[in-house]
Protein backbone atom coordinates (compact mmCIF):
# COMPACT_ATOMS: atom_id res chain seq x y z
CA MET A 1 249.02 161.08 -45.58
CA SER A 2 251.15 161.34 -42.42
CA ARG A 3 252.41 158.27 -40.60
CA ILE A 4 250.36 159.12 -37.48
CA THR A 5 247.21 159.53 -39.55
CA GLN A 6 247.79 156.14 -41.13
CA LEU A 7 248.32 154.50 -37.76
CA THR A 8 245.22 156.02 -36.18
CA LEU A 9 242.79 155.96 -39.11
CA PRO A 10 240.25 153.70 -37.31
CA VAL A 11 240.25 156.13 -34.40
CA LEU A 12 239.76 159.13 -36.70
CA LEU A 13 236.85 157.48 -38.49
CA ALA A 14 235.16 156.77 -35.15
CA LEU A 15 235.44 160.38 -34.05
CA ALA A 16 232.78 161.52 -36.52
CA ALA A 17 230.01 159.95 -34.42
CA ALA A 18 231.68 160.26 -31.04
CA THR A 19 230.59 162.38 -28.09
CA PRO A 20 232.98 165.20 -27.14
CA ALA A 21 234.28 163.21 -24.16
CA ALA A 22 234.81 160.09 -26.28
CA ALA A 23 236.46 162.18 -28.99
CA GLN A 24 238.82 163.69 -26.43
CA PHE A 25 239.74 160.25 -25.11
CA SER A 26 240.27 158.86 -28.62
CA SER A 27 242.50 161.79 -29.50
CA CYS A 28 244.52 161.21 -26.33
CA VAL A 29 244.87 157.49 -27.12
CA ALA A 30 246.13 158.36 -30.61
CA GLY A 31 248.79 160.51 -28.96
CA LEU A 32 249.68 157.69 -26.56
CA ARG A 33 250.14 155.34 -29.49
CA ALA A 34 252.50 157.71 -31.28
CA ASP A 35 254.45 158.29 -28.06
CA ALA A 36 254.69 154.54 -27.41
CA GLU A 37 256.16 153.91 -30.86
CA GLU A 38 258.75 156.61 -30.28
CA LYS A 39 259.69 154.79 -27.07
CA GLY A 40 260.16 151.49 -28.89
CA VAL A 41 256.81 149.81 -28.31
CA PRO A 42 255.62 148.19 -31.57
CA GLY A 43 252.27 149.39 -32.88
CA GLN A 44 250.86 145.86 -32.83
CA VAL A 45 251.63 145.61 -29.11
CA PHE A 46 249.82 148.88 -28.44
CA ASP A 47 246.82 147.72 -30.48
CA ALA A 48 246.67 144.36 -28.70
CA VAL A 49 246.81 146.02 -25.27
CA MET A 50 244.22 148.70 -26.09
CA ARG A 51 241.75 146.60 -28.07
CA GLY A 52 238.22 147.47 -26.92
CA VAL A 53 239.38 149.88 -24.18
CA THR A 54 237.07 152.75 -23.24
CA PRO A 55 237.38 155.31 -20.39
CA ASP A 56 235.81 154.43 -17.03
CA PRO A 57 234.58 157.40 -14.91
CA LYS A 58 234.49 155.15 -11.81
CA ILE A 59 238.28 155.12 -11.83
CA ILE A 60 238.36 158.90 -11.50
CA GLU A 61 235.96 158.70 -8.54
CA LEU A 62 238.21 156.18 -6.81
CA SER A 63 241.28 158.35 -7.39
CA GLU A 64 239.73 161.06 -5.21
CA ALA A 65 239.17 158.85 -2.12
CA GLN A 66 242.22 156.76 -1.22
CA PRO A 67 241.41 154.68 1.90
CA GLU A 68 244.89 154.98 3.45
CA PHE A 69 244.22 158.68 4.00
CA VAL A 70 240.52 158.80 4.94
CA THR A 71 239.93 155.61 6.97
CA PRO A 72 240.55 155.82 10.74
CA ILE A 73 243.76 154.01 11.45
CA TRP A 74 242.11 151.68 13.99
CA ASP A 75 239.75 150.53 11.22
CA TYR A 76 242.57 150.16 8.72
CA LEU A 77 244.75 148.04 11.01
CA ALA A 78 241.86 145.99 12.43
CA SER A 79 241.23 144.54 8.97
CA LEU A 80 244.79 144.28 7.67
CA VAL A 81 246.46 142.89 10.79
CA ASP A 82 243.86 140.48 12.13
CA ALA A 83 244.04 136.95 13.49
CA GLU A 84 243.11 135.44 10.12
CA LYS A 85 245.96 137.14 8.32
CA VAL A 86 248.46 136.17 11.00
CA ALA A 87 247.34 132.52 10.85
CA ASP A 88 247.46 132.45 7.05
CA GLY A 89 250.86 134.10 7.05
CA ARG A 90 252.35 131.60 9.47
CA LYS A 91 251.19 128.75 7.27
CA LEU A 92 252.77 130.38 4.23
CA LEU A 93 256.03 130.86 6.12
CA LYS A 94 256.25 127.08 6.13
CA THR A 95 254.89 126.54 2.62
CA TYR A 96 257.39 128.96 1.06
CA GLU A 97 260.18 128.47 3.57
CA ARG A 98 262.78 127.68 0.90
CA VAL A 99 261.84 130.64 -1.32
CA LEU A 100 261.72 133.08 1.59
CA HIS A 101 265.04 131.84 2.95
CA ALA A 102 266.65 132.32 -0.46
CA ALA A 103 265.19 135.83 -0.86
CA GLU A 104 266.31 136.77 2.65
CA ALA A 105 269.82 135.44 2.02
CA LYS A 106 270.17 137.25 -1.32
CA TYR A 107 268.74 140.64 -0.41
CA GLY A 108 269.21 140.82 3.38
CA VAL A 109 265.53 141.54 3.99
CA ASP A 110 263.64 139.87 6.83
CA ARG A 111 261.37 137.14 5.45
CA HIS A 112 258.56 138.23 7.77
CA ALA A 113 258.58 141.71 6.24
CA ILE A 114 258.50 140.23 2.72
CA LEU A 115 255.53 138.08 3.68
CA ALA A 116 253.82 141.01 5.42
CA VAL A 117 253.92 143.04 2.20
CA TRP A 118 252.31 140.11 0.36
CA GLY A 119 249.61 139.83 3.01
CA VAL A 120 248.76 143.53 3.15
CA GLU A 121 248.95 144.13 -0.59
CA SER A 122 246.81 141.25 -1.85
CA ASP A 123 245.85 139.04 1.11
CA PHE A 124 248.46 136.56 -0.08
CA GLY A 125 247.26 136.66 -3.69
CA ARG A 126 243.51 136.45 -3.04
CA LEU A 127 242.78 140.11 -3.81
CA SER A 128 245.18 141.24 -6.51
CA GLY A 129 242.69 143.53 -8.26
CA LYS A 130 239.99 143.35 -10.91
CA TRP A 131 240.68 146.46 -12.96
CA SER A 132 242.10 146.32 -16.46
CA LEU A 133 245.35 148.26 -16.33
CA PRO A 134 245.08 149.46 -19.95
CA GLN A 135 241.64 150.87 -19.13
CA SER A 136 242.50 152.35 -15.74
CA LEU A 137 245.84 153.85 -16.74
CA SER A 138 244.63 155.27 -20.04
CA THR A 139 241.58 156.74 -18.25
CA LEU A 140 243.83 158.39 -15.68
CA ALA A 141 246.40 159.49 -18.27
CA CYS A 142 243.74 161.10 -20.46
CA THR A 143 241.00 162.33 -18.10
CA ALA A 144 242.27 162.54 -14.50
CA PRO A 145 242.03 166.02 -12.93
CA ARG A 146 245.65 165.74 -11.76
CA ARG A 147 248.85 163.68 -12.19
CA ARG A 148 248.16 162.85 -15.85
CA ASP A 149 251.87 162.81 -16.68
CA TYR A 150 252.52 160.30 -13.89
CA PHE A 151 249.84 157.91 -15.13
CA ARG A 152 250.98 158.39 -18.71
CA GLY A 153 254.39 157.14 -17.62
CA GLU A 154 252.85 154.13 -15.86
CA PHE A 155 250.81 153.35 -18.97
CA MET A 156 253.99 153.37 -21.08
CA ALA A 157 255.69 151.09 -18.57
CA ALA A 158 252.80 148.61 -18.77
CA LEU A 159 253.18 148.54 -22.55
CA LYS A 160 256.89 147.81 -22.20
CA ILE A 161 256.19 144.88 -19.85
CA VAL A 162 254.08 143.31 -22.59
CA ALA A 163 256.53 144.24 -25.34
CA ARG A 164 259.46 142.57 -23.57
CA GLY A 165 257.48 139.33 -23.17
CA ASP A 166 257.09 139.24 -19.37
CA LEU A 167 253.28 139.23 -19.44
CA ALA A 168 250.43 138.87 -21.92
CA PRO A 169 247.98 141.82 -22.14
CA GLU A 170 245.19 139.88 -20.42
CA LYS A 171 247.39 139.49 -17.33
CA LEU A 172 247.45 143.25 -16.80
CA ARG A 173 244.78 143.41 -14.11
CA GLY A 174 245.12 145.06 -10.73
CA SER A 175 244.08 148.09 -8.71
CA TRP A 176 242.34 151.13 -10.17
CA ALA A 177 245.63 153.03 -9.88
CA GLY A 178 247.66 150.47 -11.82
CA ALA A 179 249.34 148.35 -9.12
CA PHE A 180 249.17 144.63 -9.90
CA GLY A 181 250.50 141.20 -9.10
CA HIS A 182 250.90 139.40 -5.77
CA THR A 183 252.71 142.33 -4.18
CA GLN A 184 251.10 145.11 -6.25
CA PHE A 185 253.97 146.71 -8.14
CA MET A 186 253.28 149.74 -10.27
CA PRO A 187 254.37 149.12 -13.88
CA SER A 188 257.38 151.46 -13.67
CA THR A 189 258.50 149.74 -10.45
CA TYR A 190 258.00 146.39 -12.17
CA LEU A 191 260.35 147.43 -14.98
CA ARG A 192 262.93 148.75 -12.54
CA LEU A 193 262.93 146.24 -9.69
CA ALA A 194 261.06 143.04 -10.62
CA VAL A 195 263.36 140.02 -10.74
CA ASP A 196 263.17 136.40 -11.84
CA GLY A 197 262.87 134.36 -8.66
CA ASP A 198 262.02 130.96 -10.14
CA GLY A 199 264.69 130.85 -12.86
CA ASP A 200 262.40 130.63 -15.90
CA GLY A 201 263.87 133.72 -17.56
CA ARG A 202 260.74 135.86 -17.11
CA ARG A 203 259.63 138.30 -14.43
CA ASP A 204 256.06 137.31 -13.65
CA LEU A 205 254.64 138.84 -10.48
CA VAL A 206 251.13 137.73 -11.42
CA GLU A 207 251.48 133.94 -11.46
CA SER A 208 254.93 133.27 -10.00
CA ILE A 209 255.05 133.58 -6.21
CA PRO A 210 258.86 133.22 -6.13
CA ASP A 211 259.17 136.11 -8.60
CA ALA A 212 256.84 138.22 -6.44
CA LEU A 213 258.65 137.47 -3.17
CA PHE A 214 262.14 138.00 -4.62
CA SER A 215 261.01 141.23 -6.27
CA THR A 216 259.53 142.51 -3.00
CA ALA A 217 262.80 141.79 -1.22
CA ASN A 218 264.64 143.63 -3.99
CA PHE A 219 262.30 146.61 -3.60
CA LEU A 220 262.81 146.83 0.16
CA ARG A 221 266.59 146.53 -0.17
CA ASN A 222 266.62 149.33 -2.73
CA SER A 223 264.51 151.41 -0.34
CA GLY A 224 267.23 151.26 2.30
CA TRP A 225 266.39 148.14 4.29
CA GLN A 226 269.03 147.41 6.93
CA SER A 227 269.63 143.71 7.51
CA GLY A 228 269.10 142.58 11.09
CA ALA A 229 267.76 145.94 12.30
CA PRO A 230 264.29 146.53 13.78
CA TRP A 231 261.65 148.62 12.02
CA GLY A 232 260.81 150.17 15.39
CA TYR A 233 258.63 149.39 18.39
CA GLU A 234 255.78 150.74 20.48
CA VAL A 235 256.64 153.25 23.18
CA ARG A 236 254.89 154.97 26.08
CA LEU A 237 254.76 158.77 26.09
CA PRO A 238 254.86 160.87 29.25
CA ALA A 239 251.65 162.64 30.28
CA ASN A 240 250.75 165.69 28.19
CA TYR A 241 253.54 165.06 25.69
CA ASN A 242 253.98 167.94 23.22
CA GLY A 243 257.49 167.32 21.91
CA PRO A 244 258.70 166.55 18.38
CA SER A 245 257.04 163.86 16.31
CA GLY A 246 256.87 162.57 12.76
CA ARG A 247 258.66 159.93 10.73
CA THR A 248 261.22 162.37 9.35
CA SER A 249 261.92 164.25 12.59
CA ARG A 250 264.85 162.04 13.59
CA HIS A 251 266.72 162.34 16.87
CA PRO A 252 269.20 160.21 18.84
CA LEU A 253 267.66 157.77 21.29
CA ALA A 254 269.26 159.71 24.12
CA ARG A 255 267.07 162.70 23.34
CA TRP A 256 263.90 160.62 23.26
CA SER A 257 264.88 159.18 26.64
CA LYS A 258 265.36 162.67 28.08
CA LEU A 259 261.87 163.55 26.87
CA GLY A 260 260.51 160.74 29.07
CA ILE A 261 259.75 158.21 26.30
CA LYS A 262 260.11 154.54 27.21
CA ARG A 263 259.46 151.23 25.54
CA ILE A 264 255.92 149.99 26.07
CA ASP A 265 257.31 147.21 28.28
CA GLY A 266 259.23 149.74 30.38
CA GLY A 267 262.63 148.75 29.02
CA ALA A 268 265.37 151.06 27.79
CA LEU A 269 265.25 152.40 24.26
CA HIS A 270 267.52 150.64 21.79
CA GLY A 271 268.20 150.58 18.07
CA ALA A 272 270.74 151.69 15.48
CA GLY A 273 270.84 155.34 14.48
CA PRO A 274 268.37 158.18 15.06
CA ALA A 275 264.65 157.44 15.33
CA GLY A 276 261.41 159.22 14.51
CA LEU A 277 258.32 159.26 16.69
CA VAL A 278 255.09 158.24 14.94
CA ILE A 279 251.84 159.03 16.76
CA PRO A 280 249.18 158.31 14.11
CA ALA A 281 246.16 159.08 16.33
CA GLY A 282 247.65 161.81 18.48
CA ALA A 283 249.53 161.72 21.78
CA GLU A 284 246.63 159.96 23.54
CA GLY A 285 246.91 156.93 21.26
CA PRO A 286 249.63 154.39 20.45
CA ALA A 287 253.11 155.77 19.73
CA PHE A 288 256.06 154.19 17.93
CA LEU A 289 259.75 154.94 17.57
CA VAL A 290 260.73 154.07 14.00
CA PHE A 291 264.01 153.50 12.16
CA LYS A 292 265.22 153.01 8.58
CA ASN A 293 263.31 149.77 7.99
CA TYR A 294 260.05 151.55 8.73
CA ASP A 295 261.01 154.04 6.01
CA ALA A 296 261.54 151.15 3.60
CA ALA A 297 257.99 149.93 4.28
CA PHE A 298 256.68 153.52 4.00
CA SER A 299 258.26 153.87 0.55
CA TYR A 300 256.08 151.04 -0.76
CA ASN A 301 252.89 153.11 -0.43
CA GLY A 302 253.64 156.49 1.13
CA ALA A 303 251.12 156.29 4.00
CA THR A 304 251.71 156.02 7.74
CA SER A 305 248.85 153.56 8.15
CA TYR A 306 250.28 151.31 5.45
CA ALA A 307 253.82 151.31 6.86
CA LEU A 308 252.45 150.45 10.30
CA ALA A 309 250.36 147.61 8.86
CA ILE A 310 253.46 146.07 7.23
CA SER A 311 255.57 146.56 10.33
CA LEU A 312 253.03 145.31 12.84
CA LEU A 313 252.08 142.31 10.71
CA SER A 314 255.74 141.32 10.40
CA ASP A 315 255.97 141.41 14.20
CA ARG A 316 252.85 139.28 14.58
CA LEU A 317 254.24 136.73 12.11
CA LYS A 318 257.26 136.43 14.38
CA GLY A 319 254.97 135.62 17.31
CA ARG A 320 255.11 139.04 18.95
CA GLY A 321 252.08 140.79 20.40
CA GLY A 322 250.05 143.53 18.78
CA VAL A 323 249.56 147.16 19.74
CA GLN A 324 249.25 147.53 23.52
CA THR A 325 247.97 151.08 23.91
CA PRO A 326 244.23 151.49 23.19
CA TRP A 327 243.27 153.62 20.23
CA PRO A 328 241.52 156.87 21.25
CA THR A 329 238.02 155.82 20.26
CA ASP A 330 234.97 154.30 21.94
CA ASP A 331 234.04 152.50 18.72
CA GLY A 332 236.93 150.31 17.60
CA GLY A 333 237.47 148.77 14.21
CA LEU A 334 236.39 145.32 13.04
CA SER A 335 238.42 142.37 11.84
CA ARG A 336 237.42 140.74 8.59
CA ALA A 337 235.68 137.95 10.51
CA GLU A 338 233.68 140.55 12.42
CA LYS A 339 232.76 142.35 9.20
CA ARG A 340 231.44 139.10 7.80
CA GLU A 341 229.43 138.66 10.98
CA VAL A 342 227.94 142.14 10.53
CA GLN A 343 226.89 141.20 7.00
CA ARG A 344 225.34 137.91 8.11
CA LEU A 345 223.38 139.67 10.85
CA LEU A 346 222.20 142.29 8.36
CA LEU A 347 221.05 139.53 6.00
CA LYS A 348 219.03 137.98 8.82
CA ARG A 349 217.27 141.30 9.27
CA GLY A 350 216.31 141.46 5.62
CA TYR A 351 218.98 143.81 4.28
CA ASP A 352 220.35 143.04 0.81
CA VAL A 353 224.11 143.20 1.32
CA GLY A 354 225.14 140.44 -1.05
CA GLU A 355 227.55 137.68 -0.10
CA PRO A 356 228.97 138.08 3.44
CA ASP A 357 232.59 138.34 2.34
CA GLY A 358 233.88 141.03 4.69
CA ALA A 359 234.20 143.59 1.89
CA ILE A 360 232.17 146.62 2.92
CA GLY A 361 230.54 147.95 -0.24
CA ALA A 362 227.73 150.40 -0.96
CA LYS A 363 224.93 147.99 -0.01
CA THR A 364 226.49 147.10 3.34
CA ARG A 365 227.17 150.75 4.14
CA ALA A 366 223.58 151.70 3.33
CA ALA A 367 222.30 148.95 5.63
CA ILE A 368 224.67 150.02 8.40
CA SER A 369 223.50 153.62 8.01
CA ASP A 370 219.93 152.47 8.55
CA ILE A 371 220.96 150.58 11.69
CA GLN A 372 222.83 153.65 12.92
CA ARG A 373 219.74 155.79 12.37
CA ARG A 374 217.66 153.36 14.41
CA ILE A 375 220.03 153.38 17.39
CA GLY A 376 220.80 157.11 17.32
CA MET A 377 224.32 157.01 15.89
CA THR A 378 225.83 159.22 13.21
CA GLU A 379 224.74 157.78 9.88
CA ASP A 380 228.10 157.32 8.18
CA GLY A 381 227.86 153.64 7.17
CA ARG A 382 230.99 152.78 9.13
CA PRO A 383 231.21 149.19 10.42
CA GLY A 384 232.44 149.50 13.99
CA GLN A 385 232.14 147.70 17.29
CA ARG A 386 229.02 149.62 18.35
CA VAL A 387 227.11 148.56 15.23
CA LEU A 388 228.25 144.96 15.71
CA SER A 389 227.16 145.00 19.36
CA ALA A 390 223.75 146.42 18.41
CA LEU A 391 223.23 143.72 15.80
CA ARG A 392 224.28 140.98 18.18
CA GLY A 393 221.85 142.31 20.75
CA GLY A 394 218.94 142.37 18.33
């Protein structure tokens, strides 16, 4: 009998009564186990991590609808950079002043940016994710319609985190895509860039806030963060602007000035090196000149909306104002407090939306769609200012 057959005998016995889909998943898991052993992960570690794991089709559904790319940016930012988050962040600046100062001194990364990543990624640890990483990553590695090799690599990295003693298997819980901990590192990023910030000899981004903050600073430094430089700032475009734009279309500030672009406060453009022009909602909406530190934030997630959320929240934590130019919509986004208000008002009208927690799930969207139908709006279940105004008005 071969070594692989010996190692996977329980799986092989189960295949006799399995459905084709379950058999395919079990066969894939057997291959993952053999691959993990070749990469130095002991079989007992693999078995402990994968005990009781089955594929979850919901994870595949979620992989096809990432909110950073389908949610209007004014909705995205309204929830992630709201008054609540700014207030919470300013309190945490004081609570973790010593840790943030040490991380800033060691890595040269602005403490406000470090804190902004924490706030956007997990609402300062409140929303770090409910999904089992062994389940989500094995589901994606074995059944996803695309990027299976990528998720296979992340699955192997998660195994190595357990094998090296950083985390127990039950601590591997996070997003459907595998990001976890206070600042939502992917497992491969965890292996590469997580650091010990509290001096206990382990890298624990799940329960150690110092580890998470130091590791985030290390990530941003490795992504090209420039100490003391701005991420960018809001600018005003000339009427009917149709010039270059995009994060990677970099030009000297002198050229942007010649094109008629000015700071939103009317001042002269300034900053180190060439800048890109980001206009996430088109030339009629807010515009931003961005530098290397914006790129560092962008590298964390790979979405314009995300990088702006980090950058704008860091500004707000410093006491600066928010976006000045109105977004090009007549139905703006809602803060989390306003979303909770929508849910409370829906409850009063007899809709079953569950606990008013500000998280807009299927029940809340269905109720909003019904309200939209009643007032003649497009029935898309989107919680916006018009729906809130209608509910407030009865």
